[in-house]
Structures are given as structure tokens and as C-alpha cells.
PDB file of N, CA and C in Angstrom:
ATOM      1  N   MET A   1      29.322 106.454 196.068  1.00  0.00           N
ATOM      2  CA  MET A   1      30.194 107.860 196.087  1.00  0.00           C
ATOM      3  C   MET A   1      30.647 106.572 197.764  1.00  0.00           C
ATOM      4  N   LYS A   2      32.274 106.457 197.936  1.00  0.00           N
ATOM      5  CA  LYS A   2      33.088 105.969 198.545  1.00  0.00           C
ATOM      6  C   LYS A   2      32.888 106.530 200.127  1.00  0.00           C
ATOM      7  N   ASN A   3      33.737 107.220 200.241  1.00  0.00           N
ATOM      8  CA  ASN A   3      34.133 107.830 201.584  1.00  0.00           C
ATOM      9  C   ASN A   3      34.224 109.601 201.106  1.00  0.00           C
ATOM     10  N   ILE A   4      33.232 110.361 202.067  1.00  0.00           N
ATOM     11  CA  ILE A   4      33.489 111.359 201.730  1.00  0.00           C
ATOM     12  C   ILE A   4      34.897 112.071 202.865  1.00  0.00           C
ATOM     13  N   LYS A   5      35.593 113.028 202.021  1.00  0.00           N
ATOM     14  CA  LYS A   5      36.545 113.574 202.569  1.00  0.00           C
ATOM     15  C   LYS A   5      36.314 114.733 203.397  1.00  0.00           C
ATOM     16  N   TRP A   6      35.878 115.171 204.103  1.00  0.00           N
ATOM     17  CA  TRP A   6      35.458 116.282 205.598  1.00  0.00           C
ATOM     18  C   TRP A   6      36.136 117.671 204.913  1.00  0.00           C
ATOM     19  N   VAL A   7      38.096 117.309 204.791  1.00  0.00           N
ATOM     20  CA  VAL A   7      38.862 118.407 204.985  1.00  0.00           C
ATOM     21  C   VAL A   7      38.543 119.218 203.348  1.00  0.00           C
ATOM     22  N   PHE A   8      38.080 118.328 202.058  1.00  0.00           N
ATOM     23  CA  PHE A   8      37.848 118.592 200.654  1.00  0.00           C
ATOM     24  C   PHE A   8      36.882 119.620 201.100  1.00  0.00           C
ATOM     25  N   VAL A   9      35.740 118.825 201.761  1.00  0.00           N
ATOM     26  CA  VAL A   9      34.075 119.750 201.624  1.00  0.00           C
ATOM     27  C   VAL A   9      34.571 121.741 202.615  1.00  0.00           C
ATOM     28  N   ILE A  10      35.501 121.221 203.465  1.00  0.00           N
ATOM     29  CA  ILE A  10      35.528 122.356 204.065  1.00  0.00           C
ATOM     30  C   ILE A  10      36.526 123.536 203.362  1.00  0.00           C
ATOM     31  N   TYR A  11      37.350 123.028 202.903  1.00  0.00           N
ATOM     32  CA  TYR A  11      38.257 123.866 201.575  1.00  0.00           C
ATOM     33  C   TYR A  11      37.346 124.453 200.876  1.00  0.00           C
ATOM     34  N   SER A  12      36.123 123.565 199.991  1.00  0.00           N
ATOM     35  CA  SER A  12      35.103 123.899 199.059  1.00  0.00           C
ATOM     36  C   SER A  12      34.664 124.846 199.696  1.00  0.00           C
ATOM     37  N   LEU A  13      34.017 125.057 200.508  1.00  0.00           N
ATOM     38  CA  LEU A  13      33.096 125.569 201.473  1.00  0.00           C
ATOM     39  C   LEU A  13      33.692 127.495 201.512  1.00  0.00           C
ATOM     40  N   ALA A  14      35.042 127.198 201.987  1.00  0.00           N
ATOM     41  CA  ALA A  14      36.660 128.294 201.855  1.00  0.00           C
ATOM     42  C   ALA A  14      36.210 129.040 201.177  1.00  0.00           C
ATOM     43  N   ALA A  15      36.759 128.490 199.717  1.00  0.00           N
ATOM     44  CA  ALA A  15      36.678 128.975 198.622  1.00  0.00           C
ATOM     45  C   ALA A  15      35.511 129.471 198.354  1.00  0.00           C
ATOM     46  N   ILE A  16      34.083 129.164 197.750  1.00  0.00           N
ATOM     47  CA  ILE A  16      32.800 129.846 197.526  1.00  0.00           C
ATOM     48  C   ILE A  16      32.673 130.577 198.509  1.00  0.00           C
ATOM     49  N   ALA A  17      33.447 130.893 200.291  1.00  0.00           N
ATOM     50  CA  ALA A  17      32.946 132.280 200.864  1.00  0.00           C
ATOM     51  C   ALA A  17      33.953 133.183 200.526  1.00  0.00           C
ATOM     52  N   ALA A  18      35.119 132.616 200.036  1.00  0.00           N
ATOM     53  CA  ALA A  18      35.769 133.720 198.752  1.00  0.00           C
ATOM     54  C   ALA A  18      35.663 134.345 197.602  1.00  0.00           C
ATOM     55  N   MET A  19      35.244 133.632 197.010  1.00  0.00           N
ATOM     56  CA  MET A  19      34.512 134.532 195.984  1.00  0.00           C
ATOM     57  C   MET A  19      33.165 134.919 195.929  1.00  0.00           C
ATOM     58  N   CYS A  20      32.268 134.595 196.863  1.00  0.00           N
ATOM     59  CA  CYS A  20      31.103 135.602 197.352  1.00  0.00           C
ATOM     60  C   CYS A  20      31.568 137.010 197.763  1.00  0.00           C
ATOM     61  N   GLY A  21      33.044 136.785 198.132  1.00  0.00           N
ATOM     62  CA  GLY A  21      33.747 138.132 199.369  1.00  0.00           C
ATOM     63  C   GLY A  21      34.154 139.050 198.221  1.00  0.00           C
ATOM     64  N   ILE A  22      34.064 138.138 196.862  1.00  0.00           N
ATOM     65  CA  ILE A  22      35.285 138.614 195.759  1.00  0.00           C
ATOM     66  C   ILE A  22      33.933 139.817 195.152  1.00  0.00           C
ATOM     67  N   GLY A  23      32.307 139.425 195.351  1.00  0.00           N
ATOM     68  CA  GLY A  23      31.225 139.331 194.637  1.00  0.00           C
ATOM     69  C   GLY A  23      30.736 140.301 194.793  1.00  0.00           C
ATOM     70  N   ILE A  24      30.997 140.725 196.903  1.00  0.00           N
ATOM     71  CA  ILE A  24      30.288 141.549 197.940  1.00  0.00           C
ATOM     72  C   ILE A  24      31.213 142.710 197.705  1.00  0.00           C
ATOM     73  N   ALA A  25      32.428 142.614 197.706  1.00  0.00           N
ATOM     74  CA  ALA A  25      33.206 143.700 197.210  1.00  0.00           C
ATOM     75  C   ALA A  25      33.446 144.609 195.832  1.00  0.00           C
ATOM     76  N   VAL A  26      32.591 144.208 195.284  1.00  0.00           N
ATOM     77  CA  VAL A  26      32.799 144.639 193.807  1.00  0.00           C
ATOM     78  C   VAL A  26      31.514 145.158 194.391  1.00  0.00           C
ATOM     79  N   GLY A  27      30.461 144.550 194.753  1.00  0.00           N
ATOM     80  CA  GLY A  27      29.069 145.379 194.525  1.00  0.00           C
ATOM     81  C   GLY A  27      29.391 146.867 195.817  1.00  0.00           C
ATOM     82  N   MET A  28      30.167 146.362 196.712  1.00  0.00           N
ATOM     83  CA  MET A  28      30.706 148.054 197.881  1.00  0.00           C
ATOM     84  C   MET A  28      31.784 148.922 197.017  1.00  0.00           C
ATOM     85  N   ARG A  29      32.015 148.458 195.965  1.00  0.00           N
ATOM     86  CA  ARG A  29      32.756 149.261 194.665  1.00  0.00           C
ATOM     87  C   ARG A  29      34.042 149.135 196.288  1.00  0.00           C
ATOM     88  N   SER A  30      34.904 148.327 196.577  1.00  0.00           N
ATOM     89  CA  SER A  30      35.573 148.505 197.710  1.00  0.00           C
ATOM     90  C   SER A  30      37.093 147.562 197.167  1.00  0.00           C
ATOM     91  N   ILE A  31      38.208 147.794 196.815  1.00  0.00           N
ATOM     92  CA  ILE A  31      38.924 147.458 196.206  1.00  0.00           C
ATOM     93  C   ILE A  31      40.078 146.941 197.264  1.00  0.00           C
ATOM     94  N   PRO A  32      40.433 146.884 198.144  1.00  0.00           N
ATOM     95  CA  PRO A  32      40.503 147.059 199.477  1.00  0.00           C
ATOM     96  C   PRO A  32      40.408 144.924 199.687  1.00  0.00           C
ATOM     97  N   VAL A  33      38.904 145.142 199.966  1.00  0.00           N
ATOM     98  CA  VAL A  33      38.330 144.029 200.358  1.00  0.00           C
ATOM     99  C   VAL A  33      38.295 143.038 199.275  1.00  0.00           C
ATOM    100  N   ALA A  34      38.181 143.585 198.353  1.00  0.00           N
ATOM    101  CA  ALA A  34      38.333 142.282 197.100  1.00  0.00           C
ATOM    102  C   ALA A  34      39.480 142.296 196.593  1.00  0.00           C
ATOM    103  N   ILE A  35      40.807 143.052 197.095  1.00  0.00           N
ATOM    104  CA  ILE A  35      42.032 142.026 197.053  1.00  0.00           C
ATOM    105  C   ILE A  35      42.239 141.053 198.498  1.00  0.00           C
ATOM    106  N   ILE A  36      41.490 141.238 199.406  1.00  0.00           N
ATOM    107  CA  ILE A  36      42.010 140.469 200.396  1.00  0.00           C
ATOM    108  C   ILE A  36      40.500 138.773 199.892  1.00  0.00           C
ATOM    109  N   ALA A  37      39.923 139.186 199.471  1.00  0.00           N
ATOM    110  CA  ALA A  37      39.268 137.857 199.177  1.00  0.00           C
ATOM    111  C   ALA A  37      39.914 137.225 198.344  1.00  0.00           C
ATOM    112  N   ILE A  38      40.639 137.814 197.149  1.00  0.00           N
ATOM    113  CA  ILE A  38      40.874 137.446 195.895  1.00  0.00           C
ATOM    114  C   ILE A  38      42.594 136.923 196.994  1.00  0.00           C
ATOM    115  N   LEU A  39      43.146 137.194 197.375  1.00  0.00           N
ATOM    116  CA  LEU A  39      44.135 136.418 198.310  1.00  0.00           C
ATOM    117  C   LEU A  39      43.975 135.174 199.180  1.00  0.00           C
ATOM    118  N   ALA A  40      43.039 135.913 199.964  1.00  0.00           N
ATOM    119  CA  ALA A  40      42.211 134.470 200.514  1.00  0.00           C
ATOM    120  C   ALA A  40      41.810 133.164 199.423  1.00  0.00           C
ATOM    121  N   LEU A  41      41.121 133.326 198.921  1.00  0.00           N
ATOM    122  CA  LEU A  41      40.501 132.425 197.436  1.00  0.00           C
ATOM    123  C   LEU A  41      41.859 131.560 196.976  1.00  0.00           C
ATOM    124  N   GLY A  42      42.785 132.674 196.799  1.00  0.00           N
ATOM    125  CA  GLY A  42      44.326 131.652 196.557  1.00  0.00           C
ATOM    126  C   GLY A  42      44.927 130.896 197.813  1.00  0.00           C
ATOM    127  N   PHE A  43      44.941 131.442 198.989  1.00  0.00           N
ATOM    128  CA  PHE A  43      45.146 130.771 199.442  1.00  0.00           C
ATOM    129  C   PHE A  43      44.203 129.517 199.593  1.00  0.00           C
ATOM    130  N   VAL A  44      43.183 129.092 199.634  1.00  0.00           N
ATOM    131  CA  VAL A  44      42.798 128.789 199.953  1.00  0.00           C
ATOM    132  C   VAL A  44      42.799 127.310 199.031  1.00  0.00           C
ATOM    133  N   MET A  45      42.476 127.819 197.516  1.00  0.00           N
ATOM    134  CA  MET A  45      42.621 126.689 196.493  1.00  0.00           C
ATOM    135  C   MET A  45      43.956 126.287 196.453  1.00  0.00           C
ATOM    136  N   GLY A  46      45.153 126.815 196.749  1.00  0.00           N
ATOM    137  CA  GLY A  46      46.627 126.770 196.921  1.00  0.00           C
ATOM    138  C   GLY A  46      46.750 125.505 198.070  1.00  0.00           C
ATOM    139  N   ASN A  47      46.176 125.618 199.333  1.00  0.00           N
ATOM    140  CA  ASN A  47      46.403 124.379 200.212  1.00  0.00           C
ATOM    141  C   ASN A  47      45.550 123.492 199.912  1.00  0.00           C
ATOM    142  N   GLY A  48      43.974 123.642 198.793  1.00  0.00           N
ATOM    143  CA  GLY A  48      43.566 122.351 199.462  1.00  0.00           C
ATOM    144  C   GLY A  48      44.161 121.611 198.188  1.00  0.00           C
ATOM    145  N   PHE A  49      44.978 122.065 197.266  1.00  0.00           N
ATOM    146  CA  PHE A  49      45.478 121.371 195.881  1.00  0.00           C
ATOM    147  C   PHE A  49      46.708 120.852 196.639  1.00  0.00           C
ATOM    148  N   LYS A  50      47.031 121.373 197.607  1.00  0.00           N
ATOM    149  CA  LYS A  50      48.708 120.673 198.185  1.00  0.00           C
ATOM    150  C   LYS A  50      47.872 119.476 199.170  1.00  0.00           C
ATOM    151  N   THR A  51      46.947 119.551 199.930  1.00  0.00           N
ATOM    152  CA  THR A  51      46.357 118.507 200.431  1.00  0.00           C
ATOM    153  C   THR A  51      46.320 117.749 199.854  1.00  0.00           C
ATOM    154  N   LYS A  52      45.638 117.636 199.001  1.00  0.00           N
ATOM    155  CA  LYS A  52      44.557 116.610 197.979  1.00  0.00           C
ATOM    156  C   LYS A  52      46.775 115.966 196.929  1.00  0.00           C
ATOM    157  N   LYS A  53      47.730 117.009 196.590  1.00  0.00           N
ATOM    158  CA  LYS A  53      48.828 115.664 196.476  1.00  0.00           C
ATOM    159  C   LYS A  53      49.176 114.995 197.212  1.00  0.00           C
ATOM    160  N   LYS A  54      49.527 115.911 198.612  1.00  0.00           N
ATOM    161  CA  LYS A  54      49.404 114.658 199.618  1.00  0.00           C
ATOM    162  C   LYS A  54      49.019 113.479 199.848  1.00  0.00           C
ATOM    163  N   MET A  55      47.782 113.745 199.911  1.00  0.00           N
ATOM    164  CA  MET A  55      47.319 112.626 200.043  1.00  0.00           C
ATOM    165  C   MET A  55      47.261 111.650 199.196  1.00  0.00           C
ATOM    166  N   ARG A  56      47.052 112.282 197.868  1.00  0.00           N
ATOM    167  CA  ARG A  56      47.107 111.146 196.708  1.00  0.00           C
ATOM    168  C   ARG A  56      49.027 110.704 196.813  1.00  0.00           C
ATOM    169  N   GLU A  57      50.025 111.369 196.858  1.00  0.00           N
ATOM    170  CA  GLU A  57      51.466 110.294 197.243  1.00  0.00           C
ATOM    171  C   GLU A  57      51.228 109.362 198.094  1.00  0.00           C
ATOM    172  N   GLN A  58      50.415 109.551 199.698  1.00  0.00           N
ATOM    173  CA  GLN A  58      49.838 108.713 200.244  1.00  0.00           C
ATOM    174  C   GLN A  58      49.445 107.747 200.537  1.00  0.00           C
ATOM    175  N   GLY A  59      48.530 107.543 199.365  1.00  0.00           N
ATOM    176  CA  GLY A  59      47.624 106.139 198.736  1.00  0.00           C
ATOM    177  C   GLY A  59      45.878 106.809 199.277  1.00  0.00           C
ATOM    178  N   LEU A  60      45.915 107.871 199.561  1.00  0.00           N
ATOM    179  CA  LEU A  60      44.797 107.628 200.655  1.00  0.00           C
ATOM    180  C   LEU A  60      43.436 108.240 199.303  1.00  0.00           C
ATOM    181  N   LEU A  61      44.100 108.771 198.608  1.00  0.00           N
ATOM    182  CA  LEU A  61      43.094 108.631 197.848  1.00  0.00           C
ATOM    183  C   LEU A  61      42.841 108.136 196.843  1.00  0.00           C
TER     184      LEU A  61
END
């Protein structure tokens, strides 16, 4: 393994937290919390992919 890209570690941990939030919302039977967690997951994953594309274009990956 060469270098750890810490920004991607943070994105992945945030995505895991959002997925856990979906599971907790299902357990609580709370639709609003589930919707918020799904939106948060989409936001985090989208930003992660956008950052990866930008870094790839700059030659940092």
C-alpha cells in the first residue's frame, strides 16, 4: 500500500454512519429519519465520487 488518502477514509466512515442510520431508522420504524439517512448517504457518496474524479483528473491517484 502506497499512501493513504485520508479524505477517502473520512468519506467511507461517513457513508458507513449513514448506512447505520438507515438501519437504526428501520428499527425505530421512523420514516423521516430513514429519509434523512438516505439523503445523507447520497450526499456523502456523491461527494466522494466527485472528489475521486477530481483527484484522478489532477493525477493525484
